[in-house]
Amino acid sequence: PGTYSLQAGAASESACLNCPAGKFSGTSGVSTCANDCVSGKYSAQTGATSVATCILCTSGKYGMASGAISATACTPCDAGTSSHSSGTTCMPCGAGTYAELSSV
């Protein structure tokens, strides 16, 4: 887990490559790390074995791309909006509340 190999019938573990940042694999014997961190999450860790390594964009930011490798993929929400638990969208602030761009 956390690795893949492009060589069929590899004779040693040294033929295995770590999954790149933004991807993970919990399965042994794969030829690619097909699982991306979903939109709104990112991971700089290589060799990741589970979705638990994917980190949610911080409050006030969102991410649109899957497989993101750093927090820089998380974009600040516009003034008057804020992100919620999914980290994929910014929603308008409710009545009687506000969000300044510099504070989110």
N, C-alpha and C. Protein backbone atom coordinates (compact mmCIF):
# COMPACT_ATOMS: atom_id res chain seq x y z
N PRO A 1 0.82 -1.21 0.00
CA PRO A 1 0.00 0.00 0.00
C PRO A 1 0.87 1.28 0.00
N GLY A 2 0.37 2.28 -0.70
CA GLY A 2 1.11 3.54 -0.79
C GLY A 2 2.15 3.54 -1.88
N THR A 3 2.24 2.42 -2.60
CA THR A 3 3.21 2.30 -3.68
C THR A 3 2.56 1.67 -4.91
N TYR A 4 3.28 1.74 -6.03
CA TYR A 4 2.85 1.09 -7.26
C TYR A 4 4.09 0.68 -8.04
N SER A 5 3.91 -0.16 -9.03
CA SER A 5 5.03 -0.58 -9.87
C SER A 5 4.57 -0.69 -11.31
N LEU A 6 5.40 -0.20 -12.21
CA LEU A 6 5.12 -0.31 -13.64
C LEU A 6 5.67 -1.60 -14.21
N GLN A 7 6.42 -2.35 -13.40
CA GLN A 7 7.04 -3.60 -13.85
C GLN A 7 6.18 -4.80 -13.47
N ALA A 8 5.74 -5.53 -14.47
CA ALA A 8 5.03 -6.78 -14.19
C ALA A 8 6.05 -7.81 -13.71
N GLY A 9 5.70 -8.54 -12.69
CA GLY A 9 6.58 -9.59 -12.17
C GLY A 9 7.84 -9.06 -11.51
N ALA A 10 7.74 -7.88 -10.89
CA ALA A 10 8.91 -7.30 -10.21
C ALA A 10 9.43 -8.28 -9.15
N ALA A 11 10.75 -8.34 -9.05
CA ALA A 11 11.38 -9.31 -8.15
C ALA A 11 11.68 -8.76 -6.77
N SER A 12 11.58 -7.44 -6.59
CA SER A 12 11.87 -6.89 -5.27
C SER A 12 11.05 -5.63 -5.01
N GLU A 13 10.98 -5.30 -3.74
CA GLU A 13 10.24 -4.10 -3.33
C GLU A 13 10.85 -2.84 -3.92
N SER A 14 12.13 -2.88 -4.27
CA SER A 14 12.79 -1.69 -4.82
C SER A 14 12.21 -1.27 -6.17
N ALA A 15 11.43 -2.14 -6.82
CA ALA A 15 10.77 -1.81 -8.08
C ALA A 15 9.53 -0.95 -7.85
N CYS A 16 9.13 -0.81 -6.60
CA CYS A 16 7.93 -0.05 -6.26
C CYS A 16 8.25 1.43 -6.10
N LEU A 17 7.35 2.26 -6.56
CA LEU A 17 7.46 3.71 -6.44
C LEU A 17 6.40 4.21 -5.48
N ASN A 18 6.72 5.25 -4.72
CA ASN A 18 5.73 5.85 -3.83
C ASN A 18 4.63 6.52 -4.65
N CYS A 19 3.41 6.44 -4.15
CA CYS A 19 2.34 7.22 -4.76
C CYS A 19 2.74 8.69 -4.69
N PRO A 20 2.46 9.46 -5.75
CA PRO A 20 2.81 10.88 -5.70
C PRO A 20 1.88 11.65 -4.77
N ALA A 21 2.30 12.83 -4.39
CA ALA A 21 1.46 13.71 -3.56
C ALA A 21 0.11 13.91 -4.25
N GLY A 22 -0.95 14.01 -3.45
CA GLY A 22 -2.30 14.19 -3.97
C GLY A 22 -3.01 12.90 -4.32
N LYS A 23 -2.29 11.77 -4.24
CA LYS A 23 -2.87 10.46 -4.55
C LYS A 23 -2.57 9.49 -3.41
N PHE A 24 -3.32 8.39 -3.38
CA PHE A 24 -3.07 7.36 -2.37
C PHE A 24 -3.52 6.01 -2.91
N SER A 25 -3.02 4.96 -2.29
CA SER A 25 -3.44 3.60 -2.63
C SER A 25 -3.38 2.74 -1.37
N GLY A 26 -4.46 2.09 -1.07
CA GLY A 26 -4.51 1.18 0.07
C GLY A 26 -4.34 -0.27 -0.34
N THR A 27 -4.01 -0.48 -1.61
CA THR A 27 -3.94 -1.83 -2.16
C THR A 27 -2.52 -2.15 -2.61
N SER A 28 -2.09 -3.36 -2.38
CA SER A 28 -0.79 -3.83 -2.87
C SER A 28 -0.93 -4.35 -4.30
N GLY A 29 0.18 -4.35 -5.04
CA GLY A 29 0.20 -4.96 -6.36
C GLY A 29 -0.48 -4.16 -7.45
N VAL A 30 -0.51 -2.85 -7.32
CA VAL A 30 -1.16 -2.02 -8.34
C VAL A 30 -0.14 -1.38 -9.27
N SER A 31 -0.59 -1.01 -10.47
CA SER A 31 0.30 -0.39 -11.45
C SER A 31 0.15 1.12 -11.49
N THR A 32 -0.74 1.66 -10.69
CA THR A 32 -0.94 3.10 -10.59
C THR A 32 -1.63 3.42 -9.26
N CYS A 33 -1.44 4.62 -8.79
CA CYS A 33 -2.17 5.09 -7.60
C CYS A 33 -3.37 5.87 -8.11
N ALA A 34 -4.46 5.20 -8.29
CA ALA A 34 -5.63 5.76 -8.98
C ALA A 34 -6.51 6.64 -8.10
N ASN A 35 -6.30 6.64 -6.79
CA ASN A 35 -7.17 7.40 -5.89
C ASN A 35 -6.60 8.79 -5.65
N ASP A 36 -7.35 9.82 -6.05
CA ASP A 36 -6.97 11.21 -5.81
C ASP A 36 -7.61 11.73 -4.53
N CYS A 37 -6.95 12.67 -3.87
CA CYS A 37 -7.66 13.45 -2.86
C CYS A 37 -8.78 14.16 -3.60
N VAL A 38 -9.96 14.19 -3.04
CA VAL A 38 -11.12 14.79 -3.70
C VAL A 38 -11.03 16.31 -3.68
N SER A 39 -11.82 16.96 -4.50
CA SER A 39 -11.90 18.42 -4.51
C SER A 39 -12.13 18.93 -3.10
N GLY A 40 -11.45 20.01 -2.75
CA GLY A 40 -11.59 20.57 -1.42
C GLY A 40 -10.59 20.02 -0.42
N LYS A 41 -9.77 19.06 -0.86
CA LYS A 41 -8.74 18.48 0.00
C LYS A 41 -7.43 18.40 -0.77
N TYR A 42 -6.33 18.27 -0.05
CA TYR A 42 -5.01 18.17 -0.66
C TYR A 42 -4.10 17.31 0.22
N SER A 43 -3.00 16.83 -0.36
CA SER A 43 -2.01 16.10 0.41
C SER A 43 -0.64 16.27 -0.24
N ALA A 44 0.33 16.70 0.56
CA ALA A 44 1.71 16.82 0.09
C ALA A 44 2.49 15.54 0.34
N GLN A 45 1.87 14.58 1.05
CA GLN A 45 2.54 13.34 1.42
C GLN A 45 2.67 12.40 0.23
N THR A 46 3.87 11.84 0.04
CA THR A 46 4.05 10.78 -0.95
C THR A 46 3.96 9.44 -0.23
N GLY A 47 3.58 8.41 -0.96
CA GLY A 47 3.46 7.09 -0.35
C GLY A 47 2.24 6.95 0.53
N ALA A 48 1.22 7.77 0.31
CA ALA A 48 0.03 7.73 1.15
C ALA A 48 -0.77 6.46 0.93
N THR A 49 -1.31 5.91 2.01
CA THR A 49 -2.05 4.65 1.95
C THR A 49 -3.55 4.80 2.13
N SER A 50 -4.03 6.00 2.50
CA SER A 50 -5.47 6.15 2.70
C SER A 50 -5.90 7.60 2.50
N VAL A 51 -7.20 7.75 2.36
CA VAL A 51 -7.81 9.07 2.19
C VAL A 51 -7.58 9.95 3.42
N ALA A 52 -7.25 9.34 4.55
CA ALA A 52 -7.02 10.10 5.79
C ALA A 52 -5.86 11.07 5.67
N THR A 53 -4.98 10.87 4.70
CA THR A 53 -3.85 11.80 4.51
C THR A 53 -4.28 13.07 3.79
N CYS A 54 -5.46 13.07 3.21
CA CYS A 54 -5.96 14.25 2.50
C CYS A 54 -6.52 15.25 3.51
N ILE A 55 -6.07 16.49 3.40
CA ILE A 55 -6.40 17.55 4.37
C ILE A 55 -7.43 18.50 3.76
N LEU A 56 -8.47 18.79 4.52
CA LEU A 56 -9.53 19.71 4.08
C LEU A 56 -9.00 21.13 3.99
N CYS A 57 -9.36 21.85 2.93
CA CYS A 57 -9.02 23.27 2.84
C CYS A 57 -9.50 23.97 4.10
N THR A 58 -8.73 24.93 4.58
CA THR A 58 -9.10 25.62 5.81
C THR A 58 -10.36 26.45 5.62
N SER A 59 -10.99 26.77 6.72
CA SER A 59 -12.21 27.57 6.72
C SER A 59 -11.98 28.86 5.93
N GLY A 60 -12.94 29.21 5.09
CA GLY A 60 -12.83 30.43 4.29
C GLY A 60 -12.15 30.20 2.96
N LYS A 61 -11.80 28.94 2.67
CA LYS A 61 -11.17 28.62 1.39
C LYS A 61 -11.84 27.40 0.78
N TYR A 62 -11.69 27.24 -0.53
CA TYR A 62 -12.26 26.08 -1.21
C TYR A 62 -11.29 25.59 -2.27
N GLY A 63 -11.46 24.35 -2.69
CA GLY A 63 -10.63 23.77 -3.74
C GLY A 63 -11.49 23.09 -4.78
N MET A 64 -11.19 23.33 -6.04
CA MET A 64 -11.98 22.77 -7.13
C MET A 64 -11.33 21.54 -7.77
N ALA A 65 -10.01 21.41 -7.66
CA ALA A 65 -9.30 20.33 -8.35
C ALA A 65 -9.11 19.11 -7.46
N SER A 66 -9.29 17.94 -8.02
CA SER A 66 -8.94 16.72 -7.29
C SER A 66 -7.45 16.45 -7.48
N GLY A 67 -6.86 15.73 -6.55
CA GLY A 67 -5.44 15.42 -6.64
C GLY A 67 -4.53 16.59 -6.28
N ALA A 68 -5.04 17.57 -5.56
CA ALA A 68 -4.24 18.75 -5.19
C ALA A 68 -3.11 18.34 -4.24
N ILE A 69 -1.96 19.00 -4.39
CA ILE A 69 -0.78 18.60 -3.62
C ILE A 69 -0.37 19.59 -2.54
N SER A 70 -1.04 20.73 -2.45
CA SER A 70 -0.68 21.68 -1.39
C SER A 70 -1.85 22.61 -1.08
N ALA A 71 -1.73 23.32 0.03
CA ALA A 71 -2.77 24.26 0.46
C ALA A 71 -2.92 25.41 -0.51
N THR A 72 -1.93 25.64 -1.36
CA THR A 72 -2.05 26.72 -2.35
C THR A 72 -3.14 26.43 -3.37
N ALA A 73 -3.60 25.19 -3.46
CA ALA A 73 -4.71 24.84 -4.34
C ALA A 73 -6.05 25.30 -3.77
N CYS A 74 -6.05 25.71 -2.51
CA CYS A 74 -7.26 26.20 -1.85
C CYS A 74 -7.35 27.71 -2.05
N THR A 75 -8.45 28.16 -2.64
CA THR A 75 -8.66 29.55 -3.00
C THR A 75 -9.53 30.25 -1.95
N PRO A 76 -9.17 31.47 -1.56
CA PRO A 76 -10.03 32.20 -0.60
C PRO A 76 -11.42 32.46 -1.17
N CYS A 77 -12.41 32.33 -0.32
CA CYS A 77 -13.77 32.67 -0.71
C CYS A 77 -13.87 34.18 -0.91
N ASP A 78 -14.80 34.61 -1.75
CA ASP A 78 -15.05 36.03 -1.95
C ASP A 78 -15.68 36.64 -0.70
N ALA A 79 -15.54 37.95 -0.57
CA ALA A 79 -16.19 38.67 0.54
C ALA A 79 -17.70 38.37 0.48
N GLY A 80 -18.29 38.18 1.64
CA GLY A 80 -19.72 37.88 1.71
C GLY A 80 -20.05 36.40 1.60
N THR A 81 -19.00 35.56 1.49
CA THR A 81 -19.21 34.11 1.41
C THR A 81 -18.23 33.41 2.34
N SER A 82 -18.50 32.16 2.62
CA SER A 82 -17.61 31.36 3.45
C SER A 82 -17.74 29.90 3.03
N SER A 83 -16.68 29.13 3.24
CA SER A 83 -16.74 27.71 2.91
C SER A 83 -17.31 26.93 4.09
N HIS A 84 -17.80 25.74 3.77
CA HIS A 84 -18.37 24.89 4.80
C HIS A 84 -17.61 23.57 4.83
N SER A 85 -18.18 22.56 5.38
CA SER A 85 -17.46 21.32 5.68
C SER A 85 -16.88 20.59 4.47
N SER A 86 -17.43 20.79 3.28
CA SER A 86 -16.91 20.05 2.12
C SER A 86 -15.65 20.67 1.57
N GLY A 87 -15.46 21.97 1.74
CA GLY A 87 -14.29 22.65 1.20
C GLY A 87 -14.32 22.82 -0.30
N THR A 88 -15.47 22.53 -0.94
CA THR A 88 -15.54 22.61 -2.39
C THR A 88 -16.28 23.82 -2.92
N THR A 89 -17.03 24.50 -2.06
CA THR A 89 -17.79 25.67 -2.50
C THR A 89 -17.80 26.72 -1.41
N CYS A 90 -18.10 27.94 -1.82
CA CYS A 90 -18.32 29.02 -0.87
C CYS A 90 -19.79 29.39 -0.95
N MET A 91 -20.40 29.54 0.19
CA MET A 91 -21.83 29.85 0.26
C MET A 91 -22.01 31.26 0.79
N PRO A 92 -23.07 31.95 0.36
CA PRO A 92 -23.33 33.29 0.88
C PRO A 92 -23.53 33.26 2.40
N CYS A 93 -23.06 34.29 3.06
CA CYS A 93 -23.28 34.41 4.51
C CYS A 93 -24.77 34.56 4.78
N GLY A 94 -25.20 34.05 5.91
CA GLY A 94 -26.60 34.15 6.29
C GLY A 94 -27.00 35.57 6.67
N ALA A 95 -28.27 35.81 6.75
CA ALA A 95 -28.79 37.12 7.15
C ALA A 95 -28.21 37.50 8.52
N GLY A 96 -27.76 38.72 8.64
CA GLY A 96 -27.23 39.21 9.90
C GLY A 96 -25.78 38.84 10.14
N THR A 97 -25.12 38.21 9.16
CA THR A 97 -23.70 37.84 9.29
C THR A 97 -22.94 38.37 8.08
N TYR A 98 -21.62 38.41 8.20
CA TYR A 98 -20.80 38.84 7.08
C TYR A 98 -19.43 38.19 7.17
N ALA A 99 -18.70 38.23 6.07
CA ALA A 99 -17.33 37.73 6.01
C ALA A 99 -16.52 38.67 5.13
N GLU A 100 -15.49 39.25 5.72
CA GLU A 100 -14.59 40.09 4.95
C GLU A 100 -13.56 39.19 4.29
N LEU A 101 -13.13 39.56 3.11
CA LEU A 101 -12.16 38.74 2.39
C LEU A 101 -10.89 38.54 3.21
N SER A 102 -10.42 39.57 3.89
CA SER A 102 -9.16 39.45 4.62
C SER A 102 -9.28 38.62 5.89
N SER A 103 -10.48 38.33 6.36
CA SER A 103 -10.63 37.62 7.62
C SER A 103 -10.98 36.15 7.43
N VAL A 104 -11.13 35.67 6.20
CA VAL A 104 -11.51 34.27 5.99
C VAL A 104 -10.36 33.44 5.49
